[in-house]
Amino acid sequence: MQRITKDGGNFVFEKNLGSLKCQATIESMLILAVGMVTLLILTAFLWDSYTTSQAAQQQQLGKDLLNRLAKEIDDAYFLGPGTVKKLILVVPSCADLNMSSFGSRTIILNVCGADLMGSTNVEVRGSWANAMGVHQFVITAFGDFVSVSASKLELSQYQINVVVLQGATKDVNISTGNVSGSPVNYVVSTSFSYSDVNISVTPDGSQTYLADEDKNFAITISCSDDAVGAYSGLIEFGGDENITIPLNIICTST
């Protein structure tokens, strides 16, 4: 708003200062609003670019994992039944293990919503780990297929075969190590159902592994005077993942 006043013989236009201040405030608020909208759009664009880049990196890790795993599976099959290979791999952080599987000659790993596939020359049976991160994969070749299992626990032996004389006792020592990089818990026990052969593991019960910690176990096997022939059982590590070590015993008189 303006008004006209007379100063002596001159007319003077006077502006309404309150109106000017109000107009300046509105203009400042509009500029601020435009700036905030621009900032939000830029932030959303940068975040989308970041998440897309991260997903691409994780999917490349998944592809590398599948290539290495498939190569070792084929190699174990080529070497023949009884071949055991151990491979430490990192499962990508955005993997969906419920949507991942082993079947026929195909390995599927879902990473950030995409199904990545690896192919092998032999039937593959197995299961993925139940969590992301570092895991040890144990690859075992059989006659017409290869099995794959993932474990956070590295074992010095994945199968124990032992001959024990009747009336005698023998100890077998195994070493274990946590390769997951974080603490894990297991309950160690034996599964054996024969009366003339006894097995025990020391220590047993609840065992906590710190990151990168190793533990040793002694398995004691006793054959009675009447025990003869072949016996089988299991050493079990129960927890978030269940690990079993097959135990094959032959009791003999000579």
C-alpha atoms as a PDB file:
ATOM      1  CA  MET A   1       0.000   0.000   0.000  1.00  0.00           C
ATOM      2  CA  GLN A   2       1.113   3.568  -0.704  1.00  0.00           C
ATOM      3  CA  ARG A   3      -0.090   6.949   0.494  1.00  0.00           C
ATOM      4  CA  ILE A   4       0.556  10.473  -0.754  1.00  0.00           C
ATOM      5  CA  THR A   5       1.628  13.217   1.618  1.00  0.00           C
ATOM      6  CA  LYS A   6       2.482  16.812   1.000  1.00  0.00           C
ATOM      7  CA  ASP A   7       5.842  18.091   2.093  1.00  0.00           C
ATOM      8  CA  GLY A   8       5.784  21.803   1.570  1.00  0.00           C
ATOM      9  CA  GLY A   9       4.973  22.221  -2.080  1.00  0.00           C
ATOM     10  CA  ASN A  10       5.949  18.645  -2.996  1.00  0.00           C
ATOM     11  CA  PHE A  11       3.916  15.445  -3.027  1.00  0.00           C
ATOM     12  CA  VAL A  12       5.705  12.420  -1.467  1.00  0.00           C
ATOM     13  CA  PHE A  13       4.788   8.726  -1.988  1.00  0.00           C
ATOM     14  CA  GLU A  14       5.235   6.651   1.184  1.00  0.00           C
ATOM     15  CA  LYS A  15       5.237   2.814   1.019  1.00  0.00           C
ATOM     16  CA  ASN A  16       3.663   0.568   3.628  1.00  0.00           C
ATOM     17  CA  LEU A  17       6.743  -1.021   5.262  1.00  0.00           C
ATOM     18  CA  GLY A  18       4.660  -3.786   6.890  1.00  0.00           C
ATOM     19  CA  SER A  19       3.449  -4.977   3.493  1.00  0.00           C
ATOM     20  CA  LEU A  20       7.016  -5.100   2.148  1.00  0.00           C
ATOM     21  CA  LYS A  21       8.172  -7.171   5.122  1.00  0.00           C
ATOM     22  CA  CYS A  22       5.295  -9.621   4.641  1.00  0.00           C
ATOM     23  CA  GLN A  23       6.121  -9.980   0.960  1.00  0.00           C
ATOM     24  CA  ALA A  24       9.806 -10.616   1.751  1.00  0.00           C
ATOM     25  CA  THR A  25       8.840 -13.284   4.303  1.00  0.00           C
ATOM     26  CA  ILE A  26       6.618 -15.104   1.804  1.00  0.00           C
ATOM     27  CA  GLU A  27       9.366 -15.029  -0.820  1.00  0.00           C
ATOM     28  CA  SER A  28      11.874 -16.428   1.699  1.00  0.00           C
ATOM     29  CA  MET A  29       9.490 -19.230   2.647  1.00  0.00           C
ATOM     30  CA  LEU A  30       8.934 -20.096  -1.005  1.00  0.00           C
ATOM     31  CA  ILE A  31      12.668 -20.197  -1.636  1.00  0.00           C
ATOM     32  CA  LEU A  32      13.160 -22.396   1.451  1.00  0.00           C
ATOM     33  CA  ALA A  33      10.349 -24.746   0.378  1.00  0.00           C
ATOM     34  CA  VAL A  34      11.812 -25.088  -3.118  1.00  0.00           C
ATOM     35  CA  GLY A  35      15.216 -25.779  -1.597  1.00  0.00           C
ATOM     36  CA  MET A  36      13.839 -28.460   0.719  1.00  0.00           C
ATOM     37  CA  VAL A  37      11.967 -30.181  -2.121  1.00  0.00           C
ATOM     38  CA  THR A  38      15.101 -30.094  -4.256  1.00  0.00           C
ATOM     39  CA  LEU A  39      17.133 -31.517  -1.374  1.00  0.00           C
ATOM     40  CA  LEU A  40      14.618 -34.331  -0.815  1.00  0.00           C
ATOM     41  CA  ILE A  41      14.623 -35.222  -4.503  1.00  0.00           C
ATOM     42  CA  LEU A  42      18.425 -35.229  -4.558  1.00  0.00           C
ATOM     43  CA  THR A  43      18.598 -37.343  -1.393  1.00  0.00           C
ATOM     44  CA  ALA A  44      16.105 -39.864  -2.803  1.00  0.00           C
ATOM     45  CA  PHE A  45      18.097 -40.073  -6.035  1.00  0.00           C
ATOM     46  CA  LEU A  46      21.385 -40.594  -4.198  1.00  0.00           C
ATOM     47  CA  TRP A  47      19.845 -43.241  -1.905  1.00  0.00           C
ATOM     48  CA  ASP A  48      18.353 -45.099  -4.854  1.00  0.00           C
ATOM     49  CA  SER A  49      21.718 -45.033  -6.609  1.00  0.00           C
ATOM     50  CA  TYR A  50      23.431 -46.283  -3.435  1.00  0.00           C
ATOM     51  CA  THR A  51      21.007 -49.167  -2.865  1.00  0.00           C
ATOM     52  CA  THR A  52      21.201 -50.159  -6.539  1.00  0.00           C
ATOM     53  CA  SER A  53      24.989 -50.156  -6.346  1.00  0.00           C
ATOM     54  CA  GLN A  54      24.969 -52.193  -3.115  1.00  0.00           C
ATOM     55  CA  ALA A  55      22.564 -54.732  -4.607  1.00  0.00           C
ATOM     56  CA  ALA A  56      24.793 -55.070  -7.689  1.00  0.00           C
ATOM     57  CA  GLN A  57      27.841 -55.668  -5.475  1.00  0.00           C
ATOM     58  CA  GLN A  58      26.034 -58.276  -3.364  1.00  0.00           C
ATOM     59  CA  GLN A  59      24.756 -60.052  -6.466  1.00  0.00           C
ATOM     60  CA  GLN A  60      28.286 -60.164  -7.887  1.00  0.00           C
ATOM     61  CA  LEU A  61      29.439 -61.758  -4.609  1.00  0.00           C
ATOM     62  CA  GLY A  62      26.636 -64.299  -5.032  1.00  0.00           C
ATOM     63  CA  LYS A  63      27.728 -65.114  -8.579  1.00  0.00           C
ATOM     64  CA  ASP A  64      31.328 -65.588  -7.458  1.00  0.00           C
ATOM     65  CA  LEU A  65      30.157 -67.886  -4.645  1.00  0.00           C
ATOM     66  CA  LEU A  66      28.104 -70.024  -7.051  1.00  0.00           C
ATOM     67  CA  ASN A  67      30.975 -70.288  -9.539  1.00  0.00           C
ATOM     68  CA  ARG A  68      33.427 -71.440  -6.873  1.00  0.00           C
ATOM     69  CA  LEU A  69      30.949 -73.840  -5.313  1.00  0.00           C
ATOM     70  CA  ALA A  70      29.966 -75.399  -8.649  1.00  0.00           C
ATOM     71  CA  LYS A  71      33.630 -75.828  -9.615  1.00  0.00           C
ATOM     72  CA  GLU A  72      34.466 -77.637  -6.364  1.00  0.00           C
ATOM     73  CA  ILE A  73      31.365 -79.845  -6.657  1.00  0.00           C
ATOM     74  CA  ASP A  74      32.356 -80.948 -10.164  1.00  0.00           C
ATOM     75  CA  ASP A  75      35.932 -81.514  -9.035  1.00  0.00           C
ATOM     76  CA  ALA A  76      34.822 -83.701  -6.090  1.00  0.00           C
ATOM     77  CA  TYR A  77      32.615 -85.755  -8.416  1.00  0.00           C
ATOM     78  CA  PHE A  78      35.534 -86.198 -10.846  1.00  0.00           C
ATOM     79  CA  LEU A  79      37.813 -87.417  -8.040  1.00  0.00           C
ATOM     80  CA  GLY A  80      35.285 -90.094  -7.094  1.00  0.00           C
ATOM     81  CA  PRO A  81      33.171 -91.353  -4.176  1.00  0.00           C
ATOM     82  CA  GLY A  82      34.538 -90.593  -0.739  1.00  0.00           C
ATOM     83  CA  THR A  83      36.114 -87.278  -1.764  1.00  0.00           C
ATOM     84  CA  VAL A  84      35.561 -84.553   0.834  1.00  0.00           C
ATOM     85  CA  LYS A  85      36.305 -80.900   0.162  1.00  0.00           C
ATOM     86  CA  LYS A  86      36.021 -77.926   2.498  1.00  0.00           C
ATOM     87  CA  LEU A  87      35.384 -74.430   1.186  1.00  0.00           C
ATOM     88  CA  ILE A  88      34.950 -71.229   3.202  1.00  0.00           C
ATOM     89  CA  LEU A  89      32.583 -68.752   1.521  1.00  0.00           C
ATOM     90  CA  VAL A  90      30.746 -65.554   2.448  1.00  0.00           C
ATOM     91  CA  VAL A  91      26.975 -65.642   1.939  1.00  0.00           C
ATOM     92  CA  PRO A  92      25.852 -62.141   0.779  1.00  0.00           C
ATOM     93  CA  SER A  93      24.132 -59.993   3.395  1.00  0.00           C
ATOM     94  CA  CYS A  94      20.886 -59.595   1.412  1.00  0.00           C
ATOM     95  CA  ALA A  95      20.557 -63.276   0.488  1.00  0.00           C
ATOM     96  CA  ASP A  96      17.136 -64.839   1.059  1.00  0.00           C
ATOM     97  CA  LEU A  97      18.073 -68.363   2.116  1.00  0.00           C
ATOM     98  CA  ASN A  98      14.431 -69.456   2.298  1.00  0.00           C
ATOM     99  CA  MET A  99      14.237 -68.839  -1.445  1.00  0.00           C
ATOM    100  CA  SER A 100      17.563 -70.597  -2.163  1.00  0.00           C
ATOM    101  CA  SER A 101      18.013 -74.290  -2.834  1.00  0.00           C
ATOM    102  CA  PHE A 102      20.010 -77.219  -4.215  1.00  0.00           C
ATOM    103  CA  GLY A 103      18.290 -79.484  -6.701  1.00  0.00           C
ATOM    104  CA  SER A 104      19.076 -81.687  -9.668  1.00  0.00           C
ATOM    105  CA  ARG A 105      22.132 -80.055 -11.286  1.00  0.00           C
ATOM    106  CA  THR A 106      21.217 -76.516 -10.332  1.00  0.00           C
ATOM    107  CA  ILE A 107      22.177 -74.342  -7.371  1.00  0.00           C
ATOM    108  CA  ILE A 108      19.899 -71.355  -6.679  1.00  0.00           C
ATOM    109  CA  LEU A 109      20.867 -68.434  -4.448  1.00  0.00           C
ATOM    110  CA  ASN A 110      18.419 -65.545  -4.095  1.00  0.00           C
ATOM    111  CA  VAL A 111      20.340 -62.289  -3.567  1.00  0.00           C
ATOM    112  CA  CYS A 112      18.535 -58.946  -3.158  1.00  0.00           C
ATOM    113  CA  GLY A 113      15.425 -60.362  -4.818  1.00  0.00           C
ATOM    114  CA  ALA A 114      17.182 -61.929  -7.824  1.00  0.00           C
ATOM    115  CA  ASP A 115      17.530 -65.688  -8.344  1.00  0.00           C
ATOM    116  CA  LEU A 116      21.159 -66.437  -9.220  1.00  0.00           C
ATOM    117  CA  MET A 117      21.880 -69.900 -10.645  1.00  0.00           C
ATOM    118  CA  GLY A 118      24.907 -72.143 -10.859  1.00  0.00           C
ATOM    119  CA  SER A 119      25.119 -75.343 -12.897  1.00  0.00           C
ATOM    120  CA  THR A 120      26.993 -78.564 -12.135  1.00  0.00           C
ATOM    121  CA  ASN A 121      27.741 -81.775 -14.033  1.00  0.00           C
ATOM    122  CA  VAL A 122      26.278 -83.958 -11.291  1.00  0.00           C
ATOM    123  CA  GLU A 123      23.174 -84.070  -9.128  1.00  0.00           C
ATOM    124  CA  VAL A 124      23.584 -81.914  -6.033  1.00  0.00           C
ATOM    125  CA  ARG A 125      21.838 -82.486  -2.718  1.00  0.00           C
ATOM    126  CA  GLY A 126      22.153 -80.227   0.263  1.00  0.00           C
ATOM    127  CA  SER A 127      20.994 -77.152   2.092  1.00  0.00           C
ATOM    128  CA  TRP A 128      22.137 -73.588   2.574  1.00  0.00           C
ATOM    129  CA  ALA A 129      23.169 -72.127   5.896  1.00  0.00           C
ATOM    130  CA  ASN A 130      20.457 -70.570   8.037  1.00  0.00           C
ATOM    131  CA  ALA A 131      22.207 -67.201   8.265  1.00  0.00           C
ATOM    132  CA  MET A 132      24.316 -64.863   6.181  1.00  0.00           C
ATOM    133  CA  GLY A 133      28.038 -64.305   6.690  1.00  0.00           C
ATOM    134  CA  VAL A 134      31.043 -66.628   6.722  1.00  0.00           C
ATOM    135  CA  HIS A 135      30.334 -70.348   6.484  1.00  0.00           C
ATOM    136  CA  GLN A 136      32.299 -73.460   5.730  1.00  0.00           C
ATOM    137  CA  PHE A 137      30.780 -75.635   3.015  1.00  0.00           C
ATOM    138  CA  VAL A 138      31.520 -79.351   3.189  1.00  0.00           C
ATOM    139  CA  ILE A 139      31.342 -81.090  -0.188  1.00  0.00           C
ATOM    140  CA  THR A 140      31.144 -84.903  -0.191  1.00  0.00           C
ATOM    141  CA  ALA A 141      31.116 -87.058  -3.327  1.00  0.00           C
ATOM    142  CA  PHE A 142      28.987 -90.204  -3.459  1.00  0.00           C
ATOM    143  CA  GLY A 143      28.384 -92.634  -6.299  1.00  0.00           C
ATOM    144  CA  ASP A 144      25.889 -90.656  -8.351  1.00  0.00           C
ATOM    145  CA  PHE A 145      25.507 -87.372  -6.476  1.00  0.00           C
ATOM    146  CA  VAL A 146      27.404 -84.814  -4.400  1.00  0.00           C
ATOM    147  CA  SER A 147      26.160 -83.469  -1.061  1.00  0.00           C
ATOM    148  CA  VAL A 148      26.754 -79.942   0.201  1.00  0.00           C
ATOM    149  CA  SER A 149      26.293 -78.710   3.750  1.00  0.00           C
ATOM    150  CA  ALA A 150      27.154 -75.342   5.275  1.00  0.00           C
ATOM    151  CA  SER A 151      28.693 -75.021   8.699  1.00  0.00           C
ATOM    152  CA  LYS A 152      30.167 -72.356  10.937  1.00  0.00           C
ATOM    153  CA  LEU A 153      32.248 -75.068  12.562  1.00  0.00           C
ATOM    154  CA  GLU A 154      35.374 -76.442  10.923  1.00  0.00           C
ATOM    155  CA  LEU A 155      36.201 -80.049  11.846  1.00  0.00           C
ATOM    156  CA  SER A 156      39.484 -81.918  11.532  1.00  0.00           C
ATOM    157  CA  GLN A 157      37.480 -85.051  10.615  1.00  0.00           C
ATOM    158  CA  TYR A 158      34.051 -85.308   9.037  1.00  0.00           C
ATOM    159  CA  GLN A 159      33.846 -89.077   9.484  1.00  0.00           C
ATOM    160  CA  ILE A 160      35.528 -91.393  11.978  1.00  0.00           C
ATOM    161  CA  ASN A 161      36.407 -95.002  11.156  1.00  0.00           C
ATOM    162  CA  VAL A 162      38.135 -97.044  13.851  1.00  0.00           C
ATOM    163  CA  VAL A 163      38.997-100.664  14.644  1.00  0.00           C
ATOM    164  CA  VAL A 164      39.005-101.688  18.333  1.00  0.00           C
ATOM    165  CA  LEU A 165      39.960-105.005  19.872  1.00  0.00           C
ATOM    166  CA  GLN A 166      37.430-106.879  21.998  1.00  0.00           C
ATOM    167  CA  GLY A 167      37.770-105.888  25.633  1.00  0.00           C
ATOM    168  CA  ALA A 168      39.819-102.811  24.693  1.00  0.00           C
ATOM    169  CA  THR A 169      39.362 -99.058  24.639  1.00  0.00           C
ATOM    170  CA  LYS A 170      40.597 -96.537  22.097  1.00  0.00           C
ATOM    171  CA  ASP A 171      40.587 -92.734  22.056  1.00  0.00           C
ATOM    172  CA  VAL A 172      40.140 -90.643  18.936  1.00  0.00           C
ATOM    173  CA  ASN A 173      40.881 -86.918  19.088  1.00  0.00           C
ATOM    174  CA  ILE A 174      39.235 -84.324  16.867  1.00  0.00           C
ATOM    175  CA  SER A 175      39.772 -80.583  16.683  1.00  0.00           C
ATOM    176  CA  THR A 176      37.098 -78.023  15.869  1.00  0.00           C
ATOM    177  CA  GLY A 177      37.198 -74.337  15.059  1.00  0.00           C
ATOM    178  CA  ASN A 178      34.680 -71.516  14.762  1.00  0.00           C
ATOM    179  CA  VAL A 179      35.091 -69.946  11.308  1.00  0.00           C
ATOM    180  CA  SER A 180      32.026 -67.666  11.469  1.00  0.00           C
ATOM    181  CA  GLY A 181      33.750 -64.624  12.973  1.00  0.00           C
ATOM    182  CA  SER A 182      31.201 -64.358  15.803  1.00  0.00           C
ATOM    183  CA  PRO A 183      30.304 -66.448  18.908  1.00  0.00           C
ATOM    184  CA  VAL A 184      28.325 -69.665  18.335  1.00  0.00           C
ATOM    185  CA  ASN A 185      26.830 -72.239  20.717  1.00  0.00           C
ATOM    186  CA  TYR A 186      26.523 -76.010  20.410  1.00  0.00           C
ATOM    187  CA  VAL A 187      25.430 -78.908  22.583  1.00  0.00           C
ATOM    188  CA  VAL A 188      27.822 -81.827  22.093  1.00  0.00           C
ATOM    189  CA  SER A 189      26.468 -85.362  22.565  1.00  0.00           C
ATOM    190  CA  THR A 190      26.606 -88.918  21.206  1.00  0.00           C
ATOM    191  CA  SER A 191      23.955 -91.018  19.495  1.00  0.00           C
ATOM    192  CA  PHE A 192      24.636 -94.739  19.911  1.00  0.00           C
ATOM    193  CA  SER A 193      22.274 -97.630  20.638  1.00  0.00           C
ATOM    194  CA  TYR A 194      24.389-100.714  21.309  1.00  0.00           C
ATOM    195  CA  SER A 195      24.853-102.411  24.671  1.00  0.00           C
ATOM    196  CA  ASP A 196      28.157-104.165  23.956  1.00  0.00           C
ATOM    197  CA  VAL A 197      29.958-101.062  22.666  1.00  0.00           C
ATOM    198  CA  ASN A 198      30.217 -97.757  24.525  1.00  0.00           C
ATOM    199  CA  ILE A 199      31.215 -94.356  23.210  1.00  0.00           C
ATOM    200  CA  SER A 200      31.626 -91.042  25.009  1.00  0.00           C
ATOM    201  CA  VAL A 201      32.872 -87.580  24.105  1.00  0.00           C
ATOM    202  CA  THR A 202      34.832 -85.227  26.362  1.00  0.00           C
ATOM    203  CA  PRO A 203      33.939 -82.467  26.926  1.00  0.00           C
ATOM    204  CA  ASP A 204      30.227 -82.831  26.250  1.00  0.00           C
ATOM    205  CA  GLY A 205      27.151 -80.723  26.869  1.00  0.00           C
ATOM    206  CA  SER A 206      26.866 -77.004  26.150  1.00  0.00           C
ATOM    207  CA  GLN A 207      29.895 -75.462  24.441  1.00  0.00           C
ATOM    208  CA  THR A 208      30.342 -71.793  23.566  1.00  0.00           C
ATOM    209  CA  TYR A 209      32.833 -70.864  20.850  1.00  0.00           C
ATOM    210  CA  LEU A 210      34.139 -67.326  20.785  1.00  0.00           C
ATOM    211  CA  ALA A 211      35.047 -65.793  17.430  1.00  0.00           C
ATOM    212  CA  ASP A 212      37.859 -67.828  15.825  1.00  0.00           C
ATOM    213  CA  GLU A 213      38.119 -70.097  18.893  1.00  0.00           C
ATOM    214  CA  ASP A 214      39.289 -73.725  18.611  1.00  0.00           C
ATOM    215  CA  LYS A 215      38.233 -76.632  20.833  1.00  0.00           C
ATOM    216  CA  ASN A 216      39.504 -80.207  21.061  1.00  0.00           C
ATOM    217  CA  PHE A 217      37.412 -83.278  21.879  1.00  0.00           C
ATOM    218  CA  ALA A 218      38.341 -86.832  22.862  1.00  0.00           C
ATOM    219  CA  ILE A 219      36.047 -89.652  21.733  1.00  0.00           C
ATOM    220  CA  THR A 220      36.444 -92.803  23.823  1.00  0.00           C
ATOM    221  CA  ILE A 221      35.327 -96.102  22.271  1.00  0.00           C
ATOM    222  CA  SER A 222      35.100 -99.365  24.243  1.00  0.00           C
ATOM    223  CA  CYS A 223      34.291-102.817  22.871  1.00  0.00           C
ATOM    224  CA  SER A 224      33.145-105.457  25.362  1.00  0.00           C
ATOM    225  CA  ASP A 225      34.608-108.968  25.361  1.00  0.00           C
ATOM    226  CA  ASP A 226      31.595-110.181  23.379  1.00  0.00           C
ATOM    227  CA  ALA A 227      31.415-107.346  20.852  1.00  0.00           C
ATOM    228  CA  VAL A 228      32.173-108.352  17.297  1.00  0.00           C
ATOM    229  CA  GLY A 229      31.449-106.856  13.878  1.00  0.00           C
ATOM    230  CA  ALA A 230      30.493-103.388  12.683  1.00  0.00           C
ATOM    231  CA  TYR A 231      28.725-100.697  14.716  1.00  0.00           C
ATOM    232  CA  SER A 232      27.720 -97.165  13.788  1.00  0.00           C
ATOM    233  CA  GLY A 233      26.747 -94.016  15.657  1.00  0.00           C
ATOM    234  CA  LEU A 234      27.012 -90.250  15.611  1.00  0.00           C
ATOM    235  CA  ILE A 235      28.823 -87.433  17.370  1.00  0.00           C
ATOM    236  CA  GLU A 236      26.371 -84.532  17.352  1.00  0.00           C
ATOM    237  CA  PHE A 237      26.873 -80.775  17.583  1.00  0.00           C
ATOM    238  CA  GLY A 238      23.385 -79.330  18.057  1.00  0.00           C
ATOM    239  CA  GLY A 239      22.538 -75.647  17.810  1.00  0.00           C
ATOM    240  CA  ASP A 240      21.304 -73.139  15.251  1.00  0.00           C
ATOM    241  CA  GLU A 241      22.777 -75.602  12.794  1.00  0.00           C
ATOM    242  CA  ASN A 242      23.074 -79.335  13.494  1.00  0.00           C
ATOM    243  CA  ILE A 243      26.360 -81.007  12.634  1.00  0.00           C
ATOM    244  CA  THR A 244      26.856 -84.755  12.842  1.00  0.00           C
ATOM    245  CA  ILE A 245      30.051 -86.788  12.549  1.00  0.00           C
ATOM    246  CA  PRO A 246      29.388 -90.396  11.448  1.00  0.00           C
ATOM    247  CA  LEU A 247      31.231 -92.901  13.644  1.00  0.00           C
ATOM    248  CA  ASN A 248      31.953 -96.376  12.228  1.00  0.00           C
ATOM    249  CA  ILE A 249      33.420 -98.953  14.610  1.00  0.00           C
ATOM    250  CA  ILE A 250      34.650-102.456  13.997  1.00  0.00           C
ATOM    251  CA  CYS A 251      35.169-104.639  17.061  1.00  0.00           C
ATOM    252  CA  THR A 252      37.482-107.552  16.378  1.00  0.00           C
ATOM    253  CA  SER A 253      39.318-110.281  18.255  1.00  0.00           C
ATOM    254  CA  THR A 254      42.493-109.839  16.213  1.00  0.00           C
END
